[in-house]
N, C-alpha and C. Protein backbone atom coordinates (compact mmCIF):
# COMPACT_ATOMS: atom_id res chain seq x y z
N MET A 1 105.49 90.48 160.35
CA MET A 1 106.71 89.41 159.93
C MET A 1 106.33 89.72 158.37
N ALA A 2 107.94 90.01 157.97
CA ALA A 2 107.95 90.17 156.47
C ALA A 2 108.65 88.84 156.06
N PHE A 3 108.46 88.58 154.76
CA PHE A 3 108.97 87.41 154.24
C PHE A 3 109.95 88.02 153.15
N HIS A 4 111.25 87.39 152.90
CA HIS A 4 111.98 87.97 152.01
C HIS A 4 112.41 86.73 151.11
N LEU A 5 112.44 86.62 149.99
CA LEU A 5 112.40 85.76 149.00
C LEU A 5 113.73 85.99 148.49
N HIS A 6 115.00 85.20 148.80
CA HIS A 6 116.00 85.02 148.41
C HIS A 6 116.59 84.03 147.06
N LEU A 7 116.88 84.56 145.86
CA LEU A 7 116.77 83.55 144.86
C LEU A 7 118.33 83.03 144.68
N GLN A 8 118.36 81.85 144.60
CA GLN A 8 119.76 81.33 144.53
C GLN A 8 119.77 80.38 143.45
N GLU A 9 121.16 80.43 142.63
CA GLU A 9 121.26 79.63 141.36
C GLU A 9 120.78 77.97 141.83
N LYS A 10 120.76 77.71 143.06
CA LYS A 10 120.54 76.25 143.32
C LYS A 10 119.25 75.84 143.71
N GLY A 11 118.51 77.16 143.76
CA GLY A 11 116.95 77.26 144.10
C GLY A 11 116.12 76.46 143.27
N ILE A 12 114.85 76.27 143.60
CA ILE A 12 113.95 75.50 142.69
C ILE A 12 113.52 76.68 141.80
N LEU A 13 113.20 77.91 142.05
CA LEU A 13 112.69 78.80 141.16
C LEU A 13 113.48 78.97 139.69
N PRO A 14 115.15 79.20 139.88
CA PRO A 14 115.70 78.93 138.83
C PRO A 14 115.85 77.96 137.93
N LYS A 15 115.74 76.65 138.66
CA LYS A 15 115.44 75.30 137.81
C LYS A 15 114.18 75.32 137.31
N LEU A 16 113.31 75.66 137.88
CA LEU A 16 111.83 75.81 137.18
C LEU A 16 111.93 76.59 136.01
N GLY A 17 112.42 77.97 136.05
CA GLY A 17 112.63 78.66 135.32
C GLY A 17 113.42 78.12 133.87
N HIS A 18 114.42 77.36 134.18
CA HIS A 18 115.21 76.67 133.02
C HIS A 18 114.31 75.89 132.39
N GLN A 19 113.56 74.97 132.98
CA GLN A 19 112.88 74.01 132.58
C GLN A 19 111.84 74.50 131.66
N ILE A 20 111.15 75.58 132.17
CA ILE A 20 110.17 76.08 131.34
C ILE A 20 110.75 76.93 130.04
N VAL A 21 112.05 77.41 130.23
CA VAL A 21 112.18 78.04 128.99
C VAL A 21 112.94 76.92 127.76
N ALA A 22 113.31 75.80 128.47
CA ALA A 22 113.91 74.74 127.60
C ALA A 22 112.41 74.27 126.67
N ILE A 23 111.51 74.00 127.62
CA ILE A 23 110.26 73.46 126.94
C ILE A 23 109.72 74.35 125.87
N TYR A 24 109.77 75.70 126.08
CA TYR A 24 109.18 76.60 125.36
C TYR A 24 110.02 76.45 124.08
N ASP A 25 111.41 76.37 124.33
CA ASP A 25 112.30 76.39 122.96
C ASP A 25 112.02 75.15 122.31
N TRP A 26 111.81 74.33 122.84
CA TRP A 26 111.46 72.56 122.30
C TRP A 26 110.13 72.94 121.37
N LEU A 27 109.17 73.43 121.77
CA LEU A 27 107.85 73.66 121.29
C LEU A 27 107.89 74.52 120.18
N SER A 28 108.50 75.57 120.42
CA SER A 28 108.73 76.64 119.14
C SER A 28 109.44 76.14 117.83
N GLY A 29 110.37 75.27 118.14
CA GLY A 29 111.02 74.55 117.17
C GLY A 29 112.34 75.60 116.68
N PRO A 30 112.85 75.62 115.57
CA PRO A 30 114.30 76.02 115.15
C PRO A 30 113.83 77.38 114.87
N PRO A 31 114.90 78.32 115.27
CA PRO A 31 114.75 79.81 114.72
C PRO A 31 114.59 79.69 113.33
N MET A 32 113.84 80.82 112.70
CA MET A 32 113.81 81.03 111.33
C MET A 32 114.69 82.27 110.74
N THR A 33 114.89 82.00 109.66
CA THR A 33 116.06 83.28 109.05
C THR A 33 114.99 84.05 108.53
N GLU A 34 115.32 85.25 108.54
CA GLU A 34 114.45 86.46 107.45
C GLU A 34 113.90 86.13 106.32
N HIS A 35 114.74 85.31 105.64
CA HIS A 35 114.38 84.53 104.29
C HIS A 35 113.33 83.61 104.38
N GLU A 36 113.38 82.72 105.48
CA GLU A 36 112.45 81.86 105.53
C GLU A 36 110.89 82.50 105.92
N ARG A 37 111.01 83.51 106.68
CA ARG A 37 109.87 84.17 107.32
C ARG A 37 109.12 84.77 106.08
N ILE A 38 109.84 85.31 105.24
CA ILE A 38 109.46 85.99 104.11
C ILE A 38 108.81 85.05 102.94
N THR A 39 109.38 83.88 102.79
CA THR A 39 108.91 82.80 102.25
C THR A 39 107.55 82.22 102.52
N ARG A 40 107.73 81.99 103.81
CA ARG A 40 106.47 81.53 104.45
C ARG A 40 105.16 82.65 104.28
N ALA A 41 105.65 83.72 104.45
CA ALA A 41 104.53 85.04 104.35
C ALA A 41 103.72 84.93 102.99
N VAL A 42 104.88 84.71 101.98
CA VAL A 42 104.39 84.63 100.60
C VAL A 42 103.57 83.48 100.46
N ALA A 43 104.01 82.40 100.96
CA ALA A 43 103.22 81.04 100.81
C ALA A 43 101.68 81.09 101.55
N GLU A 44 101.61 81.96 102.48
CA GLU A 44 100.58 81.94 103.38
C GLU A 44 99.50 82.75 102.31
N SER A 45 100.37 83.75 101.70
CA SER A 45 99.13 84.84 100.95
C SER A 45 98.84 84.22 99.87
N GLU A 46 99.65 83.52 99.28
CA GLU A 46 99.27 82.67 97.88
C GLU A 46 98.11 81.82 98.41
N THR A 47 98.13 81.18 99.28
CA THR A 47 97.08 80.20 99.77
C THR A 47 95.79 80.74 99.58
N LEU A 48 95.77 82.05 100.58
CA LEU A 48 94.52 82.82 101.04
C LEU A 48 93.92 83.60 99.64
N LYS A 49 94.83 83.69 98.35
CA LYS A 49 94.38 84.27 97.24
C LYS A 49 93.81 82.91 96.34
N GLN A 50 94.22 81.87 96.26
CA GLN A 50 93.78 80.78 95.97
C GLN A 50 92.53 80.43 96.61
N LEU A 51 92.15 80.65 97.69
CA LEU A 51 90.78 80.01 98.30
C LEU A 51 89.95 81.30 97.91
N GLY A 52 90.49 82.48 97.70
CA GLY A 52 89.30 83.28 97.05
C GLY A 52 88.43 83.83 98.08
N GLY A 53 88.72 83.86 99.46
CA GLY A 53 87.96 84.55 100.50
C GLY A 53 86.91 83.36 101.10
N ARG A 54 87.12 82.08 100.59
CA ARG A 54 85.95 81.12 101.15
C ARG A 54 86.61 80.60 102.49
N SER A 55 85.75 80.50 103.47
CA SER A 55 85.83 80.14 104.59
C SER A 55 86.55 78.96 104.84
N VAL A 56 87.08 78.38 105.92
CA VAL A 56 87.89 77.10 105.52
C VAL A 56 86.86 76.07 106.66
């Protein structure tokens, strides 16, 4: 006996998938621009330089 799973827009799997994506988007926060990524990377590297290799 073969089991075939047919996904429909009204099924539980698409609804669950949409909820998972919504939760991921909520947790990840707003998207960052390239400028914001560069600024963040520079700030993190400056913090590491100030620590001078000391473990946190």
